[in-house]
Every structure is written in structure tokens, then in C-alpha cells.
Amino acid sequence: MTDLVTVEVDLGVADVRLNRPDKYNALSPEMFKAIIEAGERLAEAREVRAVVLSGNGRGFCAGLDMMSMQGLGSPSRSSGEGLLSRGERPENFAQRPAYVWKRLPVPTIAALHGVAYGGGCQIALGADIRFAAPDAKISVMEIKWGLIPDMSITQTLRDLVPLDVAKELTFTGRILNGEQALQAGLVTHVADDPRAAAMELAREIAGKSPDAVRAGKELFETSWHADERTGLALESSLQTALIGSPNQVEAVQANFEKRTPKFSD
């Protein structure tokens, strides 16, 4: 993993930071790779119970570094190593820096300050929960460049806002501050120190049964747009697997004994 994305894990919480502060963490090809690599490694880390995703410097992420990305999406490269390459996966390379957080088996909490424009906004949308500073600047900005948002926004924004709001944001590229983003449904909370607030919530989640937290994320990610039979069956199968498991028994015992539970990863 390069220093373009730093990861520190403490007490089950992974502190992930985009680390290209001189460029507002703008997305170069190398940044794409570093973000994907960080997410994919965390997906395999059993000791991780929650993730906080933030950006170093003056902003979360300014979106695409247009100069460094020229040519990567051209047809001549779409079947190879370019942004449109997908292999056997449903998402292509360009979509993966945002989609990797949605598919992560543990909760991801994004902390937004400064700017979250275009691709940066879409990466934040891939998180499960978002904190934004009151003066943050958030925009689905691709229309400015004559483009559409294409970093898995079809799988994320639909769960947050009504269709008419999604269309207006996409058609206009309007920049919202933290409070406006909260009212629109793009963020979950507004906080003066979004990273500190995100870390506090992540630590709270990390104190719960990791089996139940992972199952809860799987339940909603799989069933939210599924038919009733799929959702009800998944509730049943996940619950059956949890009942009587060591962490579930520990949760019950800790509650009865009025002590902090000691869960295993």
C-alpha cells in the first residue's frame, strides 16, 4: 500500500486517510489504485470492526485530477488497464474506489471537510454513514466537465435521495454545504469536527458484536432492493447463524452481568 492512502488500526477501528493533501486528495491513477488496495485489504482483515474514511489536508477529495487522468477512459484502453476495465466483477476500475466501501463487510463512516467534489463525493456516497462539517462543499460535479457521475452512483445515491433530487444534483452540479447536504439526504450528520465524530461512532460500533454488525450490513445491502422472499429468508438465515454463537452468548452474558463484553474477531 502506498502512502497516498494511510491506514492505522486501533481497537478494531481502521483510520483510513486519503493522503495527497497538496492536491486536495484529487484522484490520479495512483490514487485510484491506492484507495482500492486499502479497501480490499481491509475487507480481509478480521480484526477490523469499523472503518473511518477521511482526507488529510484542507479537503476530503476534490474529485478527478483531470490532467493525470487524460486518456485512461478512451476506447483503446477500455478493455485493458484503463478506467473501464472490469474483468469478472460487476464494477469497473473507475467505480471501485467508491464501491469497495459499500461492499466492505464492516461499516464505513466517511468524514467530510473542505471539498467533496465529483469522484470525491461519490467515494463518500459509498460509505454507510457520512459526517460533514457545516462549511463542507459537496457536489455531484461531473456536469461541469460534460460528463455523468460514473463511480457507482447508481448503487449508492438511490438509497439516499429521491429520484428527482438525484437528477437535479446531477443536472446542475450544485454545491451544497453541510447543512444543505443533510437536508437533501446526502449526509447523515453535521459536526464541527466530522472526523472526531466519525471516530466516536466507529468506536461505539466496534464495541458491539462484530458478527452481528457484519450480519446487519449484509442483511441490508443484500435485501434493500430485493423481493420480500429474499429479504425475509436472509433475516432468518443470518439470525439462525448468530443464535448461540460465542459472540452472541457473550453479548447476553455481558448484559446480565452488567459488564463490557469481550468479543472475538
C-alpha atoms as a PDB file:
ATOM      1  CA  MET A   1       0.000   0.000   0.000  1.00  0.00           C
ATOM      2  CA  THR A   2       1.394   3.414  -0.948  1.00  0.00           C
ATOM      3  CA  ASP A   3       1.435   6.476   1.296  1.00  0.00           C
ATOM      4  CA  LEU A   4      -1.272   8.013  -0.905  1.00  0.00           C
ATOM      5  CA  VAL A   5      -3.695   6.273   1.458  1.00  0.00           C
ATOM      6  CA  THR A   6      -2.709   5.643   5.058  1.00  0.00           C
ATOM      7  CA  VAL A   7      -4.350   3.031   7.283  1.00  0.00           C
ATOM      8  CA  GLU A   8      -3.983   2.655  11.042  1.00  0.00           C
ATOM      9  CA  VAL A   9      -5.991   0.114  13.037  1.00  0.00           C
ATOM     10  CA  ASP A  10      -6.610   0.588  16.754  1.00  0.00           C
ATOM     11  CA  LEU A  11      -9.116  -1.308  18.915  1.00  0.00           C
ATOM     12  CA  GLY A  12     -10.950  -2.599  15.872  1.00  0.00           C
ATOM     13  CA  VAL A  13     -11.287   0.781  14.118  1.00  0.00           C
ATOM     14  CA  ALA A  14      -9.418   1.372  10.866  1.00  0.00           C
ATOM     15  CA  ASP A  15      -8.477   5.030  10.405  1.00  0.00           C
ATOM     16  CA  VAL A  16      -8.177   5.419   6.614  1.00  0.00           C
ATOM     17  CA  ARG A  17      -6.984   8.746   5.226  1.00  0.00           C
ATOM     18  CA  LEU A  18      -6.635   9.939   1.673  1.00  0.00           C
ATOM     19  CA  ASN A  19      -3.164  11.417   1.694  1.00  0.00           C
ATOM     20  CA  ARG A  20      -2.484  13.690  -1.248  1.00  0.00           C
ATOM     21  CA  PRO A  21      -3.067  16.955   0.609  1.00  0.00           C
ATOM     22  CA  ASP A  22      -1.175  19.182  -1.813  1.00  0.00           C
ATOM     23  CA  LYS A  23      -3.807  18.291  -4.451  1.00  0.00           C
ATOM     24  CA  TYR A  24      -6.867  18.213  -2.175  1.00  0.00           C
ATOM     25  CA  ASN A  25      -6.601  14.405  -2.438  1.00  0.00           C
ATOM     26  CA  ALA A  26      -7.574  14.598  -6.106  1.00  0.00           C
ATOM     27  CA  LEU A  27      -7.912  11.258  -7.873  1.00  0.00           C
ATOM     28  CA  SER A  28      -4.930  10.343 -10.016  1.00  0.00           C
ATOM     29  CA  PRO A  29      -4.485   6.794 -11.384  1.00  0.00           C
ATOM     30  CA  GLU A  30      -2.198   6.104  -8.459  1.00  0.00           C
ATOM     31  CA  MET A  31      -4.831   7.356  -6.000  1.00  0.00           C
ATOM     32  CA  PHE A  32      -7.426   5.067  -7.588  1.00  0.00           C
ATOM     33  CA  LYS A  33      -5.138   2.082  -7.067  1.00  0.00           C
ATOM     34  CA  ALA A  34      -4.213   3.062  -3.508  1.00  0.00           C
ATOM     35  CA  ILE A  35      -7.849   3.514  -2.429  1.00  0.00           C
ATOM     36  CA  ILE A  36      -8.893   0.210  -3.985  1.00  0.00           C
ATOM     37  CA  GLU A  37      -5.963  -1.612  -2.415  1.00  0.00           C
ATOM     38  CA  ALA A  38      -6.752  -0.161   1.016  1.00  0.00           C
ATOM     39  CA  GLY A  39     -10.396  -1.209   0.800  1.00  0.00           C
ATOM     40  CA  GLU A  40      -9.637  -4.698  -0.456  1.00  0.00           C
ATOM     41  CA  ARG A  41      -7.070  -5.320   2.275  1.00  0.00           C
ATOM     42  CA  LEU A  42      -9.472  -4.159   4.953  1.00  0.00           C
ATOM     43  CA  ALA A  43     -12.126  -6.499   3.571  1.00  0.00           C
ATOM     44  CA  GLU A  44      -9.877  -9.406   4.572  1.00  0.00           C
ATOM     45  CA  ALA A  45      -8.872  -8.010   7.988  1.00  0.00           C
ATOM     46  CA  ARG A  46     -10.859  -9.914  10.594  1.00  0.00           C
ATOM     47  CA  GLU A  47      -9.655  -7.607  13.377  1.00  0.00           C
ATOM     48  CA  VAL A  48     -11.342  -4.590  11.745  1.00  0.00           C
ATOM     49  CA  ARG A  49     -14.835  -3.876  13.044  1.00  0.00           C
ATOM     50  CA  ALA A  50     -15.448  -0.390  11.621  1.00  0.00           C
ATOM     51  CA  VAL A  51     -13.732   1.999   9.221  1.00  0.00           C
ATOM     52  CA  VAL A  52     -13.446   5.791   9.264  1.00  0.00           C
ATOM     53  CA  LEU A  53     -12.615   7.300   5.877  1.00  0.00           C
ATOM     54  CA  SER A  54     -11.337  10.871   5.763  1.00  0.00           C
ATOM     55  CA  GLY A  55      -8.910  13.104   3.889  1.00  0.00           C
ATOM     56  CA  ASN A  56      -5.722  14.779   5.063  1.00  0.00           C
ATOM     57  CA  GLY A  57      -5.183  18.462   4.408  1.00  0.00           C
ATOM     58  CA  ARG A  58      -7.804  21.048   3.546  1.00  0.00           C
ATOM     59  CA  GLY A  59     -10.420  18.798   1.981  1.00  0.00           C
ATOM     60  CA  PHE A  60     -11.793  15.284   1.692  1.00  0.00           C
ATOM     61  CA  CYS A  61     -11.333  14.864  -2.061  1.00  0.00           C
ATOM     62  CA  ALA A  62     -11.559  17.310  -4.959  1.00  0.00           C
ATOM     63  CA  GLY A  63     -12.533  14.629  -7.477  1.00  0.00           C
ATOM     64  CA  LEU A  64     -10.625  13.673 -10.592  1.00  0.00           C
ATOM     65  CA  ASP A  65      -7.214  15.113 -11.262  1.00  0.00           C
ATOM     66  CA  MET A  66      -8.176  15.860 -14.846  1.00  0.00           C
ATOM     67  CA  MET A  67      -4.624  16.341 -16.123  1.00  0.00           C
ATOM     68  CA  SER A  68      -3.393  12.993 -14.831  1.00  0.00           C
ATOM     69  CA  MET A  69      -6.491  11.083 -15.991  1.00  0.00           C
ATOM     70  CA  GLN A  70      -6.441  12.104 -19.657  1.00  0.00           C
ATOM     71  CA  GLY A  71      -6.736   9.120 -21.957  1.00  0.00           C
ATOM     72  CA  LEU A  72      -7.402   6.496 -19.297  1.00  0.00           C
ATOM     73  CA  GLY A  73     -11.038   6.151 -20.258  1.00  0.00           C
ATOM     74  CA  SER A  74     -10.509   6.066 -24.015  1.00  0.00           C
ATOM     75  CA  PRO A  75     -11.902   3.120 -26.010  1.00  0.00           C
ATOM     76  CA  SER A  76      -8.401   1.948 -26.857  1.00  0.00           C
ATOM     77  CA  ARG A  77      -7.807   1.255 -23.180  1.00  0.00           C
ATOM     78  CA  SER A  78     -11.301   0.276 -22.076  1.00  0.00           C
ATOM     79  CA  SER A  79     -10.627  -3.450 -22.308  1.00  0.00           C
ATOM     80  CA  GLY A  80      -7.212  -3.323 -20.675  1.00  0.00           C
ATOM     81  CA  GLU A  81      -5.840  -1.452 -17.712  1.00  0.00           C
ATOM     82  CA  GLY A  82      -7.912   1.711 -18.157  1.00  0.00           C
ATOM     83  CA  LEU A  83     -10.749   3.009 -16.012  1.00  0.00           C
ATOM     84  CA  LEU A  84     -13.386   0.923 -17.792  1.00  0.00           C
ATOM     85  CA  SER A  85     -11.657  -2.393 -17.173  1.00  0.00           C
ATOM     86  CA  ARG A  86     -13.840  -4.693 -15.057  1.00  0.00           C
ATOM     87  CA  GLY A  87     -12.642  -8.256 -15.509  1.00  0.00           C
ATOM     88  CA  GLU A  88     -15.181 -10.641 -13.972  1.00  0.00           C
ATOM     89  CA  ARG A  89     -16.552  -8.114 -11.487  1.00  0.00           C
ATOM     90  CA  PRO A  90     -19.783  -6.105 -11.847  1.00  0.00           C
ATOM     91  CA  GLU A  91     -17.967  -2.809 -11.218  1.00  0.00           C
ATOM     92  CA  ASN A  92     -15.204  -1.408 -13.393  1.00  0.00           C
ATOM     93  CA  PHE A  93     -11.923   0.066 -12.172  1.00  0.00           C
ATOM     94  CA  ALA A  94     -13.312   3.617 -12.064  1.00  0.00           C
ATOM     95  CA  GLN A  95     -16.238   2.532  -9.919  1.00  0.00           C
ATOM     96  CA  ARG A  96     -14.192   0.510  -7.442  1.00  0.00           C
ATOM     97  CA  PRO A  97     -12.782   3.327  -5.199  1.00  0.00           C
ATOM     98  CA  ALA A  98     -16.351   4.142  -4.135  1.00  0.00           C
ATOM     99  CA  TYR A  99     -17.956   0.714  -4.455  1.00  0.00           C
ATOM    100  CA  VAL A 100     -15.275  -1.010  -2.383  1.00  0.00           C
ATOM    101  CA  TRP A 101     -16.592   0.733   0.755  1.00  0.00           C
ATOM    102  CA  LYS A 102     -20.188  -0.238   0.055  1.00  0.00           C
ATOM    103  CA  ARG A 103     -19.110  -3.867  -0.375  1.00  0.00           C
ATOM    104  CA  LEU A 104     -16.830  -3.868   2.664  1.00  0.00           C
ATOM    105  CA  PRO A 105     -18.242  -6.362   5.207  1.00  0.00           C
ATOM    106  CA  VAL A 106     -17.949  -3.844   8.080  1.00  0.00           C
ATOM    107  CA  PRO A 107     -19.444  -0.346   8.423  1.00  0.00           C
ATOM    108  CA  THR A 108     -17.603   2.535   6.793  1.00  0.00           C
ATOM    109  CA  ILE A 109     -18.102   6.071   8.099  1.00  0.00           C
ATOM    110  CA  ALA A 110     -16.935   8.972   5.919  1.00  0.00           C
ATOM    111  CA  ALA A 111     -15.846  12.265   7.476  1.00  0.00           C
ATOM    112  CA  LEU A 112     -16.121  15.186   5.063  1.00  0.00           C
ATOM    113  CA  HIS A 113     -14.438  18.557   5.396  1.00  0.00           C
ATOM    114  CA  GLY A 114     -13.411  21.107   2.815  1.00  0.00           C
ATOM    115  CA  VAL A 115     -14.449  19.820  -0.594  1.00  0.00           C
ATOM    116  CA  ALA A 116     -16.019  16.553  -1.705  1.00  0.00           C
ATOM    117  CA  TYR A 117     -16.474  17.128  -5.415  1.00  0.00           C
ATOM    118  CA  GLY A 118     -17.348  14.724  -8.206  1.00  0.00           C
ATOM    119  CA  GLY A 119     -15.479  11.486  -7.650  1.00  0.00           C
ATOM    120  CA  GLY A 120     -14.751  12.554  -4.092  1.00  0.00           C
ATOM    121  CA  CYS A 121     -18.458  12.928  -3.434  1.00  0.00           C
ATOM    122  CA  GLN A 122     -19.101   9.506  -4.946  1.00  0.00           C
ATOM    123  CA  ILE A 123     -16.445   7.877  -2.759  1.00  0.00           C
ATOM    124  CA  ALA A 124     -18.192   9.375   0.263  1.00  0.00           C
ATOM    125  CA  LEU A 125     -21.522   8.022  -1.000  1.00  0.00           C
ATOM    126  CA  GLY A 126     -20.018   4.532  -0.915  1.00  0.00           C
ATOM    127  CA  ALA A 127     -19.752   4.766   2.873  1.00  0.00           C
ATOM    128  CA  ASP A 128     -22.572   3.573   5.116  1.00  0.00           C
ATOM    129  CA  ILE A 129     -22.723   6.788   7.160  1.00  0.00           C
ATOM    130  CA  ARG A 130     -21.418  10.302   6.474  1.00  0.00           C
ATOM    131  CA  PHE A 131     -20.465  13.179   8.796  1.00  0.00           C
ATOM    132  CA  ALA A 132     -19.910  16.586   7.192  1.00  0.00           C
ATOM    133  CA  ALA A 133     -18.543  19.855   8.505  1.00  0.00           C
ATOM    134  CA  PRO A 134     -21.047  22.739   8.363  1.00  0.00           C
ATOM    135  CA  ASP A 135     -18.906  24.548   5.779  1.00  0.00           C
ATOM    136  CA  ALA A 136     -18.061  21.476   3.696  1.00  0.00           C
ATOM    137  CA  LYS A 137     -18.636  21.811  -0.045  1.00  0.00           C
ATOM    138  CA  ILE A 138     -20.268  18.759  -1.597  1.00  0.00           C
ATOM    139  CA  SER A 139     -21.214  18.353  -5.245  1.00  0.00           C
ATOM    140  CA  VAL A 140     -22.040  15.777  -7.891  1.00  0.00           C
ATOM    141  CA  MET A 141     -19.911  17.928 -10.161  1.00  0.00           C
ATOM    142  CA  GLU A 142     -19.356  15.848 -13.315  1.00  0.00           C
ATOM    143  CA  ILE A 143     -21.716  18.005 -15.388  1.00  0.00           C
ATOM    144  CA  LYS A 144     -19.108  20.796 -15.166  1.00  0.00           C
ATOM    145  CA  TRP A 145     -16.860  18.649 -17.377  1.00  0.00           C
ATOM    146  CA  GLY A 146     -19.639  17.487 -19.692  1.00  0.00           C
ATOM    147  CA  LEU A 147     -19.797  14.089 -18.000  1.00  0.00           C
ATOM    148  CA  ILE A 148     -22.133  11.979 -15.894  1.00  0.00           C
ATOM    149  CA  PRO A 149     -21.234  10.578 -12.468  1.00  0.00           C
ATOM    150  CA  ASP A 150     -19.974   7.044 -13.084  1.00  0.00           C
ATOM    151  CA  MET A 151     -18.254   5.876  -9.903  1.00  0.00           C
ATOM    152  CA  SER A 152     -21.053   3.524  -8.749  1.00  0.00           C
ATOM    153  CA  ILE A 153     -23.505   6.358  -8.034  1.00  0.00           C
ATOM    154  CA  THR A 154     -26.375   4.229  -9.381  1.00  0.00           C
ATOM    155  CA  GLN A 155     -25.817   1.867  -6.454  1.00  0.00           C
ATOM    156  CA  THR A 156     -25.381   4.495  -3.736  1.00  0.00           C
ATOM    157  CA  LEU A 157     -27.304   7.718  -4.338  1.00  0.00           C
ATOM    158  CA  ARG A 158     -30.558   5.823  -4.947  1.00  0.00           C
ATOM    159  CA  ASP A 159     -30.535   4.753  -1.290  1.00  0.00           C
ATOM    160  CA  LEU A 160     -30.186   8.313  -0.009  1.00  0.00           C
ATOM    161  CA  VAL A 161     -32.357  10.708  -2.007  1.00  0.00           C
ATOM    162  CA  PRO A 162     -35.494  10.637  -4.168  1.00  0.00           C
ATOM    163  CA  LEU A 163     -35.045  10.338  -7.915  1.00  0.00           C
ATOM    164  CA  ASP A 164     -35.928  13.976  -8.596  1.00  0.00           C
ATOM    165  CA  VAL A 165     -33.274  15.179  -6.148  1.00  0.00           C
ATOM    166  CA  ALA A 166     -30.672  12.860  -7.684  1.00  0.00           C
ATOM    167  CA  LYS A 167     -31.495  14.223 -11.134  1.00  0.00           C
ATOM    168  CA  GLU A 168     -31.316  17.856 -10.041  1.00  0.00           C
ATOM    169  CA  LEU A 169     -27.946  17.359  -8.352  1.00  0.00           C
ATOM    170  CA  THR A 170     -26.631  15.603 -11.460  1.00  0.00           C
ATOM    171  CA  PHE A 171     -28.062  18.108 -13.955  1.00  0.00           C
ATOM    172  CA  THR A 172     -26.805  21.211 -12.121  1.00  0.00           C
ATOM    173  CA  GLY A 173     -23.632  20.220 -10.255  1.00  0.00           C
ATOM    174  CA  ARG A 174     -24.885  22.447  -7.455  1.00  0.00           C
ATOM    175  CA  ILE A 175     -22.511  22.803  -4.495  1.00  0.00           C
ATOM    176  CA  LEU A 176     -24.110  22.105  -1.107  1.00  0.00           C
ATOM    177  CA  ASN A 177     -22.728  22.962   2.302  1.00  0.00           C
ATOM    178  CA  GLY A 178     -23.004  20.515   5.182  1.00  0.00           C
ATOM    179  CA  GLU A 179     -26.432  21.639   6.333  1.00  0.00           C
ATOM    180  CA  GLN A 180     -27.825  21.654   2.806  1.00  0.00           C
ATOM    181  CA  ALA A 181     -26.375  18.195   2.190  1.00  0.00           C
ATOM    182  CA  LEU A 182     -28.047  16.988   5.381  1.00  0.00           C
ATOM    183  CA  GLN A 183     -31.398  18.395   4.277  1.00  0.00           C
ATOM    184  CA  ALA A 184     -31.013  16.770   0.860  1.00  0.00           C
ATOM    185  CA  GLY A 185     -30.125  13.414   2.402  1.00  0.00           C
ATOM    186  CA  LEU A 186     -26.546  13.209   1.129  1.00  0.00           C
ATOM    187  CA  VAL A 187     -25.041  13.115   4.627  1.00  0.00           C
ATOM    188  CA  THR A 188     -26.202  11.585   7.898  1.00  0.00           C
ATOM    189  CA  HIS A 189     -24.870  14.126  10.397  1.00  0.00           C
ATOM    190  CA  VAL A 190     -23.296  17.590  10.504  1.00  0.00           C
ATOM    191  CA  ALA A 191     -20.470  18.062  13.005  1.00  0.00           C
ATOM    192  CA  ASP A 192     -17.913  20.783  13.643  1.00  0.00           C
ATOM    193  CA  ASP A 193     -15.223  18.090  13.738  1.00  0.00           C
ATOM    194  CA  PRO A 194     -16.563  15.382  11.418  1.00  0.00           C
ATOM    195  CA  ARG A 195     -13.585  13.067  11.804  1.00  0.00           C
ATOM    196  CA  ALA A 196     -13.759  13.122  15.614  1.00  0.00           C
ATOM    197  CA  ALA A 197     -17.494  12.455  15.466  1.00  0.00           C
ATOM    198  CA  ALA A 198     -16.960   9.634  12.980  1.00  0.00           C
ATOM    199  CA  MET A 199     -14.279   8.068  15.181  1.00  0.00           C
ATOM    200  CA  GLU A 200     -16.564   8.236  18.209  1.00  0.00           C
ATOM    201  CA  LEU A 201     -19.335   6.416  16.341  1.00  0.00           C
ATOM    202  CA  ALA A 202     -16.867   3.881  14.916  1.00  0.00           C
ATOM    203  CA  ARG A 203     -15.595   3.070  18.410  1.00  0.00           C
ATOM    204  CA  GLU A 204     -19.178   2.602  19.595  1.00  0.00           C
ATOM    205  CA  ILE A 205     -19.846   0.188  16.720  1.00  0.00           C
ATOM    206  CA  ALA A 206     -16.558  -1.622  17.347  1.00  0.00           C
ATOM    207  CA  GLY A 207     -17.774  -2.325  20.879  1.00  0.00           C
ATOM    208  CA  LYS A 208     -20.729  -4.347  19.589  1.00  0.00           C
ATOM    209  CA  SER A 209     -20.651  -7.982  18.491  1.00  0.00           C
ATOM    210  CA  PRO A 210     -18.648  -7.985  15.239  1.00  0.00           C
ATOM    211  CA  ASP A 211     -20.643 -10.963  13.977  1.00  0.00           C
ATOM    212  CA  ALA A 212     -23.943  -9.133  14.420  1.00  0.00           C
ATOM    213  CA  VAL A 213     -22.612  -5.893  12.911  1.00  0.00           C
ATOM    214  CA  ARG A 214     -21.313  -7.698   9.817  1.00  0.00           C
ATOM    215  CA  ALA A 215     -24.574  -9.620   9.509  1.00  0.00           C
ATOM    216  CA  GLY A 216     -26.541  -6.394   9.835  1.00  0.00           C
ATOM    217  CA  LYS A 217     -24.655  -4.786   6.975  1.00  0.00           C
ATOM    218  CA  GLU A 218     -25.039  -7.900   4.829  1.00  0.00           C
ATOM    219  CA  LEU A 219     -28.756  -8.004   5.594  1.00  0.00           C
ATOM    220  CA  PHE A 220     -29.462  -4.503   4.343  1.00  0.00           C
ATOM    221  CA  GLU A 221     -27.000  -4.482   1.438  1.00  0.00           C
ATOM    222  CA  THR A 222     -28.473  -7.704   0.088  1.00  0.00           C
ATOM    223  CA  SER A 223     -32.157  -7.193   0.788  1.00  0.00           C
ATOM    224  CA  TRP A 224     -32.779  -3.446   0.402  1.00  0.00           C
ATOM    225  CA  HIS A 225     -33.719  -3.743  -3.275  1.00  0.00           C
ATOM    226  CA  ALA A 226     -34.609  -7.433  -3.267  1.00  0.00           C
ATOM    227  CA  ASP A 227     -38.029  -9.106  -3.236  1.00  0.00           C
ATOM    228  CA  GLU A 228     -39.739  -9.944   0.043  1.00  0.00           C
ATOM    229  CA  ARG A 229     -38.857 -13.637  -0.103  1.00  0.00           C
ATOM    230  CA  THR A 230     -35.150 -12.843  -0.393  1.00  0.00           C
ATOM    231  CA  GLY A 231     -35.213 -10.356   2.474  1.00  0.00           C
ATOM    232  CA  LEU A 232     -37.248 -12.498   4.859  1.00  0.00           C
ATOM    233  CA  ALA A 233     -35.192 -15.597   4.128  1.00  0.00           C
ATOM    234  CA  LEU A 234     -31.951 -13.696   4.715  1.00  0.00           C
ATOM    235  CA  GLU A 235     -33.203 -12.373   8.065  1.00  0.00           C
ATOM    236  CA  SER A 236     -33.913 -15.946   9.101  1.00  0.00           C
ATOM    237  CA  SER A 237     -30.649 -17.480   7.910  1.00  0.00           C
ATOM    238  CA  LEU A 238     -28.436 -14.758   9.377  1.00  0.00           C
ATOM    239  CA  GLN A 239     -30.259 -14.858  12.712  1.00  0.00           C
ATOM    240  CA  THR A 240     -30.028 -18.640  12.865  1.00  0.00           C
ATOM    241  CA  ALA A 241     -26.271 -18.427  12.396  1.00  0.00           C
ATOM    242  CA  LEU A 242     -25.948 -15.842  15.181  1.00  0.00           C
ATOM    243  CA  ILE A 243     -28.095 -17.500  17.837  1.00  0.00           C
ATOM    244  CA  GLY A 244     -25.936 -19.480  20.215  1.00  0.00           C
ATOM    245  CA  SER A 245     -22.672 -18.392  18.613  1.00  0.00           C
ATOM    246  CA  PRO A 246     -19.845 -17.438  21.017  1.00  0.00           C
ATOM    247  CA  ASN A 247     -20.183 -13.692  20.460  1.00  0.00           C
ATOM    248  CA  GLN A 248     -23.960 -13.808  20.807  1.00  0.00           C
ATOM    249  CA  VAL A 249     -23.675 -15.735  24.067  1.00  0.00           C
ATOM    250  CA  GLU A 250     -21.077 -13.234  25.280  1.00  0.00           C
ATOM    251  CA  ALA A 251     -23.421 -10.337  24.467  1.00  0.00           C
ATOM    252  CA  VAL A 252     -26.164 -11.880  26.588  1.00  0.00           C
ATOM    253  CA  GLN A 253     -23.857 -12.731  29.483  1.00  0.00           C
ATOM    254  CA  ALA A 254     -22.258  -9.275  29.492  1.00  0.00           C
ATOM    255  CA  ASN A 255     -25.672  -7.626  29.622  1.00  0.00           C
ATOM    256  CA  PHE A 256     -26.832  -9.772  32.535  1.00  0.00           C
ATOM    257  CA  GLU A 257     -23.557  -9.274  34.369  1.00  0.00           C
ATOM    258  CA  LYS A 258     -23.547  -5.521  33.627  1.00  0.00           C
ATOM    259  CA  ARG A 259     -20.020  -5.524  32.237  1.00  0.00           C
ATOM    260  CA  THR A 260     -18.288  -4.631  28.980  1.00  0.00           C
ATOM    261  CA  PRO A 261     -18.471  -7.583  26.582  1.00  0.00           C
ATOM    262  CA  LYS A 262     -15.299  -9.218  25.293  1.00  0.00           C
ATOM    263  CA  PHE A 263     -15.947 -10.237  21.714  1.00  0.00           C
ATOM    264  CA  SER A 264     -13.646 -12.275  19.490  1.00  0.00           C
ATOM    265  CA  ASP A 265     -12.963 -11.332  15.868  1.00  0.00           C
END
